[in-house]
Amino acid sequence: MAEPFKNLLNPDRVKQIAGDFEHAWPDFPTKQFIRQSTAGLDALELKDRARHIATALGAALPSDVTKAMRIAIKALGAPLTVTEGYGNEVFRHMPLSTWLHQVGPRDVETALEANYELTKRFTAEFSIRSLIISAPEKTLKTLKAWTKDENPHVRRLVSEGSRPRLPWAERLPALQADPSLALPLLEALKDDGEEYVRRSVANHLNDISKDHPALVLETARRWLVRASKERRRLVEHGLRTLVKAGNEEALSLLGASGAALTVRGSVSPAKLKVGESITVEATVKNHAAELTHVVVEAVVHFVRPKGSSTKKFRIARLDLDGGQTQTISRRFQMAHRSIRRLHAGAHRVEVQANGRTVAAGTFQLVL
Protein backbone atom coordinates (compact mmCIF):
# COMPACT_ATOMS: atom_id res chain seq x y z
CA MET A 1 0.00 0.00 0.00
CA ALA A 2 1.34 3.43 -0.96
CA GLU A 3 2.67 5.68 1.78
CA PRO A 4 0.14 8.44 2.64
CA PHE A 5 1.04 11.70 0.91
CA LYS A 6 0.92 13.55 4.23
CA ASN A 7 3.94 11.55 5.44
CA LEU A 8 6.17 13.59 3.17
CA LEU A 9 6.27 15.79 6.29
CA ASN A 10 6.91 13.62 9.36
CA PRO A 11 8.90 13.81 12.62
CA ASP A 12 12.11 12.74 10.86
CA ARG A 13 11.62 15.50 8.31
CA VAL A 14 11.10 17.98 11.15
CA LYS A 15 14.46 16.96 12.62
CA GLN A 16 16.03 17.41 9.20
CA ILE A 17 14.59 20.93 8.96
CA ALA A 18 15.91 21.71 12.44
CA GLY A 19 19.36 20.53 11.41
CA ASP A 20 19.30 22.76 8.30
CA PHE A 21 18.46 25.84 10.37
CA GLU A 22 20.81 25.01 13.23
CA HIS A 23 23.66 24.74 10.72
CA ALA A 24 22.74 28.15 9.27
CA TRP A 25 22.12 29.80 12.65
CA PRO A 26 23.68 28.21 15.78
CA ASP A 27 21.15 30.00 18.02
CA PHE A 28 18.22 28.20 16.41
CA PRO A 29 16.06 26.74 19.25
CA THR A 30 16.11 23.19 17.92
CA LYS A 31 14.38 21.42 20.82
CA GLN A 32 11.60 24.01 21.00
CA PHE A 33 11.05 23.84 17.25
CA ILE A 34 10.92 20.03 17.16
CA ARG A 35 8.57 19.90 20.14
CA GLN A 36 6.17 22.48 18.71
CA SER A 37 6.31 21.05 15.15
CA THR A 38 5.63 17.44 16.12
CA ALA A 39 2.85 18.15 18.63
CA GLY A 40 -0.36 17.00 16.92
CA LEU A 41 1.38 16.47 13.58
CA ASP A 42 0.05 12.94 12.99
CA ALA A 43 -3.57 14.09 12.87
CA LEU A 44 -2.96 16.59 10.06
CA GLU A 45 -2.95 16.27 6.26
CA LEU A 46 -0.04 17.50 4.13
CA LYS A 47 -0.93 21.18 3.68
CA ASP A 48 -2.00 21.51 7.30
CA ARG A 49 1.26 19.88 8.37
CA ALA A 50 3.18 22.44 6.32
CA ARG A 51 1.24 25.29 7.99
CA HIS A 52 1.74 23.73 11.43
CA ILE A 53 5.51 23.43 10.97
CA ALA A 54 5.64 26.91 9.40
CA THR A 55 4.07 28.34 12.55
CA ALA A 56 6.75 26.66 14.66
CA LEU A 57 9.41 27.94 12.29
CA GLY A 58 8.13 31.50 12.58
CA ALA A 59 8.23 31.23 16.37
CA ALA A 60 11.81 29.91 16.29
CA LEU A 61 13.28 32.51 13.92
CA PRO A 62 14.11 36.14 14.83
CA SER A 63 11.21 38.59 14.85
CA ASP A 64 13.20 40.75 12.42
CA VAL A 65 11.78 39.28 9.20
CA THR A 66 14.73 40.37 7.07
CA LYS A 67 17.17 38.63 9.40
CA ALA A 68 14.89 35.59 9.51
CA MET A 69 14.74 35.34 5.72
CA ARG A 70 18.55 35.68 5.49
CA ILE A 71 18.86 32.72 7.85
CA ALA A 72 16.33 30.77 5.77
CA ILE A 73 18.36 31.35 2.61
CA LYS A 74 21.48 30.01 4.35
CA ALA A 75 19.52 26.96 5.53
CA LEU A 76 18.53 25.88 2.02
CA GLY A 77 21.57 23.81 1.15
CA ALA A 78 22.78 22.87 -2.33
CA PRO A 79 20.62 23.57 -5.42
CA LEU A 80 19.05 20.80 -7.47
CA THR A 81 21.03 19.70 -10.51
CA VAL A 82 18.11 18.02 -12.32
CA THR A 83 14.51 18.91 -13.20
CA GLU A 84 13.03 15.50 -12.40
CA GLY A 85 13.75 12.43 -10.32
CA TYR A 86 15.06 14.39 -7.33
CA GLY A 87 13.03 12.44 -4.75
CA ASN A 88 10.89 13.43 -1.78
CA GLU A 89 13.57 14.95 0.41
CA VAL A 90 12.88 18.35 -1.17
CA PHE A 91 9.56 18.44 0.71
CA ARG A 92 11.47 19.47 3.81
CA HIS A 93 11.34 22.95 2.23
CA MET A 94 7.52 23.00 2.03
CA PRO A 95 7.01 24.57 5.49
CA LEU A 96 9.58 27.23 4.58
CA SER A 97 7.60 27.97 1.42
CA THR A 98 4.45 28.35 3.53
CA TRP A 99 6.20 30.66 6.01
CA LEU A 100 7.75 32.71 3.20
CA HIS A 101 4.35 33.20 1.61
CA GLN A 102 3.10 34.60 4.91
CA VAL A 103 5.96 36.98 5.74
CA GLY A 104 7.33 37.86 2.30
CA PRO A 105 5.26 41.02 1.75
CA ARG A 106 6.92 42.57 4.83
CA ASP A 107 10.25 42.79 2.94
CA VAL A 108 9.64 42.26 -0.77
CA GLU A 109 13.27 42.71 -1.85
CA THR A 110 14.62 40.01 0.47
CA ALA A 111 11.60 37.80 -0.15
CA LEU A 112 12.28 37.87 -3.89
CA GLU A 113 15.83 36.73 -3.20
CA ALA A 114 14.54 33.98 -0.91
CA ASN A 115 12.06 32.79 -3.53
CA TYR A 116 14.81 32.83 -6.16
CA GLU A 117 16.95 30.54 -4.00
CA LEU A 118 14.05 28.38 -2.81
CA THR A 119 12.85 27.51 -6.32
CA LYS A 120 16.29 26.08 -7.14
CA ARG A 121 15.85 23.57 -4.29
CA PHE A 122 12.08 22.91 -4.20
CA THR A 123 9.54 25.27 -5.75
CA ALA A 124 8.48 28.83 -5.04
CA GLU A 125 5.35 28.79 -7.18
CA PHE A 126 3.17 29.08 -4.05
CA SER A 127 5.29 31.41 -1.92
CA ILE A 128 5.85 34.05 -4.60
CA ARG A 129 2.14 34.60 -5.10
CA SER A 130 1.80 36.83 -2.04
CA LEU A 131 4.43 39.11 -3.61
CA ILE A 132 2.58 39.23 -6.94
CA ILE A 133 -0.53 40.30 -5.03
CA SER A 134 1.12 42.79 -2.62
CA ALA A 135 3.81 44.25 -4.93
CA PRO A 136 2.76 43.37 -8.49
CA GLU A 137 4.84 45.93 -10.40
CA LYS A 138 8.14 45.10 -8.70
CA THR A 139 7.52 41.34 -8.69
CA LEU A 140 6.48 41.13 -12.35
CA LYS A 141 9.51 43.25 -13.34
CA THR A 142 11.74 40.81 -11.45
CA LEU A 143 10.05 37.82 -13.07
CA LYS A 144 10.67 39.36 -16.50
CA ALA A 145 14.40 39.54 -15.70
CA TRP A 146 14.32 35.92 -14.52
CA THR A 147 13.11 34.74 -17.95
CA LYS A 148 16.78 34.97 -18.97
CA ASP A 149 18.16 33.17 -15.93
CA GLU A 150 20.45 30.21 -16.61
CA ASN A 151 18.63 27.99 -14.11
CA PRO A 152 15.54 26.19 -15.55
CA HIS A 153 13.87 26.07 -12.12
CA VAL A 154 13.97 29.87 -11.99
CA ARG A 155 12.63 30.23 -15.52
CA ARG A 156 9.83 27.78 -14.75
CA LEU A 157 8.94 29.78 -11.64
CA VAL A 158 8.31 32.81 -13.85
CA SER A 159 5.47 31.01 -15.61
CA GLU A 160 4.26 28.67 -12.88
CA GLY A 161 4.29 31.24 -10.08
CA SER A 162 2.21 33.68 -12.14
CA ARG A 163 -0.41 31.14 -13.27
CA PRO A 164 -3.78 32.71 -12.35
CA ARG A 165 -5.44 29.34 -11.58
CA LEU A 166 -2.54 27.30 -10.21
CA PRO A 167 -3.92 24.13 -8.54
CA TRP A 168 -3.63 24.02 -4.72
CA ALA A 169 -2.80 27.73 -4.68
CA GLU A 170 -4.61 31.00 -4.12
CA ARG A 171 -5.91 32.72 -7.25
CA LEU A 172 -4.21 35.82 -8.63
CA PRO A 173 -7.24 38.09 -9.22
CA ALA A 174 -5.38 40.87 -11.06
CA LEU A 175 -3.73 38.45 -13.51
CA GLN A 176 -6.94 36.49 -13.90
CA ALA A 177 -8.78 39.69 -14.82
CA ASP A 178 -5.98 41.06 -17.02
CA PRO A 179 -3.74 38.31 -18.43
CA SER A 180 -1.84 40.87 -20.50
CA LEU A 181 0.14 41.56 -17.31
CA ALA A 182 1.75 38.12 -17.48
CA LEU A 183 1.59 37.41 -21.21
CA PRO A 184 5.00 39.05 -21.91
CA LEU A 185 6.53 36.47 -19.54
CA LEU A 186 5.05 33.64 -21.60
CA GLU A 187 6.19 35.26 -24.83
CA ALA A 188 9.75 35.28 -23.50
CA LEU A 189 9.59 31.60 -22.52
CA LYS A 190 7.58 30.00 -25.32
CA ASP A 191 10.74 28.73 -27.07
CA ASP A 192 12.67 27.89 -23.92
CA GLY A 193 15.20 25.11 -24.40
CA GLU A 194 13.72 23.03 -21.55
CA GLU A 195 10.49 21.03 -21.94
CA TYR A 196 10.15 21.46 -18.16
CA VAL A 197 9.70 25.20 -18.70
CA ARG A 198 7.64 25.01 -21.88
CA ARG A 199 5.14 22.67 -20.21
CA SER A 200 4.54 25.32 -17.53
CA VAL A 201 3.96 27.94 -20.24
CA ALA A 202 1.37 25.62 -21.83
CA ASN A 203 -0.38 25.14 -18.48
CA HIS A 204 -0.40 28.90 -17.91
CA LEU A 205 -1.90 29.43 -21.37
CA ASN A 206 -4.55 26.83 -20.56
CA ASP A 207 -5.37 28.68 -17.32
CA ILE A 208 -5.94 31.88 -19.28
CA SER A 209 -8.18 30.09 -21.79
CA LYS A 210 -10.73 29.40 -19.05
CA ASP A 211 -11.38 33.13 -18.58
CA HIS A 212 -10.17 34.70 -21.85
CA PRO A 213 -10.55 32.19 -24.69
CA ALA A 214 -10.39 34.82 -27.45
CA LEU A 215 -7.03 36.11 -26.20
CA VAL A 216 -5.59 32.59 -26.05
CA LEU A 217 -6.84 31.78 -29.55
CA GLU A 218 -5.25 34.96 -30.89
CA THR A 219 -2.00 34.15 -29.08
CA ALA A 220 -2.04 30.57 -30.38
CA ARG A 221 -2.58 31.82 -33.92
CA ARG A 222 0.51 34.04 -33.67
CA TRP A 223 2.64 31.37 -32.02
CA LEU A 224 1.79 28.78 -34.67
CA VAL A 225 3.27 30.90 -37.46
CA ARG A 226 6.50 29.15 -38.51
CA ALA A 227 6.31 27.22 -35.23
CA SER A 228 8.86 24.57 -34.34
CA LYS A 229 7.50 21.15 -33.38
CA GLU A 230 8.27 22.04 -29.74
CA ARG A 231 6.26 25.25 -29.89
CA ARG A 232 3.41 23.52 -31.68
CA ARG A 233 3.31 20.89 -28.93
CA LEU A 234 3.19 23.71 -26.36
CA VAL A 235 0.26 25.36 -28.15
CA GLU A 236 -1.63 22.07 -28.43
CA HIS A 237 -1.26 21.49 -24.70
CA GLY A 238 -2.25 25.09 -23.95
CA LEU A 239 -5.45 24.73 -26.00
CA ARG A 240 -6.51 21.44 -24.41
CA THR A 241 -9.46 22.86 -22.44
CA LEU A 242 -10.84 24.61 -25.53
CA VAL A 243 -10.30 21.47 -27.62
CA LYS A 244 -12.10 19.33 -25.03
CA ALA A 245 -14.97 21.81 -25.10
CA GLY A 246 -15.17 21.36 -28.88
CA ASN A 247 -14.16 24.95 -29.64
CA GLU A 248 -14.18 25.05 -33.44
CA GLU A 249 -11.48 27.72 -33.76
CA ALA A 250 -9.10 25.85 -31.44
CA LEU A 251 -9.69 22.64 -33.37
CA SER A 252 -9.19 24.44 -36.67
CA LEU A 253 -5.90 25.97 -35.49
CA LEU A 254 -4.63 22.48 -34.76
CA GLY A 255 -5.86 21.15 -38.09
CA ALA A 256 -8.68 19.27 -36.45
CA SER A 257 -11.94 20.66 -37.80
CA GLY A 258 -14.93 18.42 -37.18
CA ALA A 259 -17.08 19.67 -40.07
CA ALA A 260 -16.28 16.77 -42.41
CA LEU A 261 -16.32 13.96 -39.84
CA THR A 262 -18.87 11.33 -38.90
CA VAL A 263 -18.45 9.29 -35.76
CA ARG A 264 -20.07 6.22 -34.17
CA GLY A 265 -19.42 4.87 -30.69
CA SER A 266 -20.11 2.00 -28.33
CA VAL A 267 -19.34 1.08 -24.74
CA SER A 268 -18.97 -2.30 -23.03
CA PRO A 269 -19.67 -4.13 -20.79
CA ALA A 270 -23.21 -3.12 -19.94
CA LYS A 271 -22.66 -3.80 -16.22
CA LEU A 272 -19.57 -3.66 -14.02
CA LYS A 273 -18.34 -3.22 -10.46
CA VAL A 274 -16.21 -0.42 -9.06
CA GLY A 275 -12.58 -1.12 -9.96
CA GLU A 276 -13.42 -2.81 -13.25
CA SER A 277 -13.01 -1.18 -16.67
CA ILE A 278 -15.17 -0.09 -19.54
CA THR A 279 -14.07 -0.19 -23.18
CA VAL A 280 -15.14 2.72 -25.34
CA GLU A 281 -14.92 2.22 -29.10
CA ALA A 282 -15.15 4.95 -31.72
CA THR A 283 -15.34 4.72 -35.51
CA VAL A 284 -14.46 7.97 -37.26
CA LYS A 285 -14.70 8.74 -40.99
CA ASN A 286 -13.12 11.73 -42.71
CA HIS A 287 -15.37 12.83 -45.60
CA ALA A 288 -13.01 15.64 -46.64
CA ALA A 289 -10.55 15.28 -49.49
CA GLU A 290 -7.57 16.38 -47.39
CA LEU A 291 -5.86 14.87 -44.35
CA THR A 292 -7.52 15.85 -41.06
CA HIS A 293 -6.10 15.66 -37.54
CA VAL A 294 -8.68 14.15 -35.17
CA VAL A 295 -8.96 14.31 -31.38
CA VAL A 296 -11.21 11.49 -30.15
CA GLU A 297 -12.54 11.51 -26.58
CA ALA A 298 -14.95 9.59 -24.40
CA VAL A 299 -17.44 11.71 -22.46
CA VAL A 300 -18.63 9.97 -19.29
CA HIS A 301 -21.61 11.37 -17.39
CA PHE A 302 -20.97 10.23 -13.82
CA VAL A 303 -23.94 9.63 -11.55
CA ARG A 304 -24.06 11.92 -8.53
CA PRO A 305 -26.43 12.02 -5.53
CA LYS A 306 -28.01 15.01 -7.22
CA GLY A 307 -27.80 14.93 -11.00
CA SER A 308 -24.54 14.08 -12.78
CA SER A 309 -21.09 15.41 -13.60
CA THR A 310 -19.14 15.09 -16.84
CA LYS A 311 -15.55 14.02 -17.39
CA LYS A 312 -13.72 13.68 -20.71
CA PHE A 313 -11.10 11.00 -21.34
CA ARG A 314 -8.74 11.01 -24.32
CA ILE A 315 -9.11 7.95 -26.56
CA ALA A 316 -6.67 8.91 -29.29
CA ARG A 317 -5.24 11.54 -31.58
CA LEU A 318 -4.94 10.44 -35.19
CA ASP A 319 -4.49 11.71 -38.73
CA LEU A 320 -7.10 10.55 -41.23
CA ASP A 321 -6.52 10.80 -44.96
CA GLY A 322 -9.36 11.99 -47.18
CA GLY A 323 -12.09 9.34 -47.19
CA GLN A 324 -10.38 7.23 -44.52
CA THR A 325 -12.29 5.44 -41.76
CA GLN A 326 -10.62 4.22 -38.58
CA THR A 327 -11.86 2.41 -35.49
CA ILE A 328 -10.07 2.88 -32.18
CA SER A 329 -10.84 1.85 -28.63
CA ARG A 330 -9.54 2.38 -25.12
CA ARG A 331 -10.17 0.92 -21.67
CA PHE A 332 -10.93 3.19 -18.71
CA GLN A 333 -10.97 1.94 -15.12
CA MET A 334 -14.00 2.98 -13.14
CA ALA A 335 -12.44 3.37 -9.69
CA HIS A 336 -12.76 5.80 -6.80
CA ARG A 337 -10.32 8.71 -7.04
CA SER A 338 -9.27 11.33 -4.52
CA ILE A 339 -11.15 13.92 -6.59
CA ARG A 340 -14.12 11.74 -7.57
CA ARG A 341 -16.21 9.18 -5.66
CA LEU A 342 -18.29 6.85 -7.79
CA HIS A 343 -21.99 6.15 -7.25
CA ALA A 344 -24.18 3.27 -8.38
CA GLY A 345 -26.45 3.73 -11.36
CA ALA A 346 -26.64 4.06 -15.13
CA HIS A 347 -23.74 6.07 -16.53
CA ARG A 348 -24.21 7.62 -19.96
CA VAL A 349 -21.24 7.65 -22.36
CA GLU A 350 -20.71 9.71 -25.52
CA VAL A 351 -17.92 9.76 -28.09
CA GLN A 352 -16.59 13.08 -29.33
CA ALA A 353 -14.39 13.65 -32.40
CA ASN A 354 -13.21 17.23 -32.94
CA GLY A 355 -16.22 18.49 -31.05
CA ARG A 356 -18.78 16.32 -32.87
CA THR A 357 -20.58 14.26 -30.22
CA VAL A 358 -22.70 11.11 -30.52
CA ALA A 359 -24.17 8.73 -27.95
CA ALA A 360 -22.12 5.58 -27.35
CA GLY A 361 -24.38 3.87 -24.81
CA THR A 362 -24.65 3.34 -21.06
CA PHE A 363 -23.15 1.09 -18.41
CA GLN A 364 -24.60 0.13 -15.06
CA LEU A 365 -22.16 0.61 -12.19
CA VAL A 366 -22.63 -1.62 -9.14
CA LEU A 367 -20.99 -0.77 -5.80
Foldseek 3Di string as FASTA:
>chain_A
DDDAPQVLDALVLQLVLLVLLCVLPVQQPSVQLSVQLHVVSVVDGNVVSLCSSLVSLCVRADPPVLRRLVSVLSSLDDFDPDDDDPDSSLCSCSSVLVNLLVCCLVPVVSSVVSQQSSLRRHHNLASCLSCCQNPVVVSLVVLQVQCPPPDLSSLLSSLSSQQQCRPPHHGNVVCLVPVVSSVVSLVSCLVPPDLSNLLSSLVSLLSNCVRCVVVSLVVLLVCPVVHDPSSLVSSCSNCVVVQVQLPQSSCVSNQFHCPQKDKAKAKDDQEDEAFAKMKIKMKMWGQDQAKGKKWKWKWKFADDPPGTDIDIDTFDIDIAHHGDMDMGMDMDHRHDDPVDDGDFDKMWMWMAMSNDIDTHGIHTYDD
